[in-house]
Amino acid sequence: MNLLDEKFLWASLIWGALGSGYLVYGWRQKEPLPTIAGVVLLGVSYLVGSWLLMSVIAGGTIALVHFLQRR
């Protein structure tokens, strides 16, 4: 596991930015689902050491939020 790998840095940047966006949106709209998803995405970008696993978890989280908001 190399934390200075180019793929890992890009994945952390992308998922962290999306997590920040979800968190701010959910916080301002007083919506719990996007707020929780933002915290999960930020946590994944900090705590998971593999870019592939990080992307799978983050993609699943975003898909789950999309699915649950459609219902």
Protein backbone atom coordinates (compact mmCIF):
# COMPACT_ATOMS: atom_id res chain seq x y z
CA MET A 1 0.00 0.00 0.00
CA ASN A 2 1.56 3.23 -1.16
CA LEU A 3 -0.31 6.31 0.03
CA LEU A 4 1.52 8.49 -2.49
CA ASP A 5 0.24 6.47 -5.42
CA GLU A 6 -1.26 8.67 -8.12
CA LYS A 7 -4.52 6.70 -8.32
CA PHE A 8 -4.96 6.83 -4.54
CA LEU A 9 -4.40 10.60 -4.42
CA TRP A 10 -6.90 11.24 -7.22
CA ALA A 11 -9.51 8.95 -5.67
CA SER A 12 -9.09 10.65 -2.29
CA LEU A 13 -9.44 14.07 -3.90
CA ILE A 14 -12.55 13.18 -5.86
CA TRP A 15 -14.40 11.29 -3.12
CA GLY A 16 -13.41 13.82 -0.48
CA ALA A 17 -14.69 16.69 -2.62
CA LEU A 18 -17.97 14.90 -3.31
CA GLY A 19 -18.29 14.07 0.38
CA SER A 20 -17.78 17.72 1.29
CA GLY A 21 -20.44 18.71 -1.21
CA TYR A 22 -22.92 16.17 0.14
CA LEU A 23 -22.20 17.25 3.71
CA VAL A 24 -22.69 20.98 3.03
CA TYR A 25 -25.81 20.36 0.94
CA GLY A 26 -27.38 18.08 3.55
CA TRP A 27 -26.48 20.42 6.40
CA ARG A 28 -27.97 23.51 4.73
CA GLN A 29 -31.10 21.72 3.53
CA LYS A 30 -31.57 19.99 6.91
CA GLU A 31 -31.64 16.63 5.13
CA PRO A 32 -30.14 13.76 7.15
CA LEU A 33 -29.47 11.34 4.26
CA PRO A 34 -27.05 13.54 2.26
CA THR A 35 -25.41 14.68 5.50
CA ILE A 36 -24.72 11.09 6.57
CA ALA A 37 -23.54 10.21 3.05
CA GLY A 38 -21.14 13.16 3.14
CA VAL A 39 -19.67 11.98 6.43
CA VAL A 40 -19.32 8.44 5.04
CA LEU A 41 -17.61 9.67 1.88
CA LEU A 42 -15.22 11.86 3.85
CA GLY A 43 -14.46 8.97 6.20
CA VAL A 44 -13.83 6.62 3.30
CA SER A 45 -11.44 9.07 1.68
CA TYR A 46 -9.44 9.30 4.92
CA LEU A 47 -9.60 5.77 6.29
CA VAL A 48 -9.47 3.37 3.33
CA GLY A 49 -5.98 2.70 1.99
CA SER A 50 -6.87 1.22 -1.41
CA TRP A 51 -8.09 3.41 -4.25
CA LEU A 52 -10.17 0.58 -5.71
CA LEU A 53 -11.91 -0.29 -2.44
CA MET A 54 -12.42 3.41 -1.75
CA SER A 55 -14.07 3.89 -5.14
CA VAL A 56 -16.32 0.85 -4.72
CA ILE A 57 -17.52 1.97 -1.27
CA ALA A 58 -18.01 5.58 -2.37
CA GLY A 59 -19.83 4.59 -5.55
CA GLY A 60 -22.09 2.28 -3.57
CA THR A 61 -22.81 5.03 -1.06
CA ILE A 62 -23.77 7.49 -3.80
CA ALA A 63 -25.94 4.88 -5.53
CA LEU A 64 -27.66 4.05 -2.24
CA VAL A 65 -28.40 7.73 -1.54
CA HIS A 66 -29.76 8.17 -5.06
CA PHE A 67 -31.95 5.07 -4.69
CA LEU A 68 -33.26 6.04 -1.25
CA GLN A 69 -34.08 9.61 -2.30
CA ARG A 70 -36.02 8.36 -5.31
CA ARG A 71 -38.33 6.29 -3.11
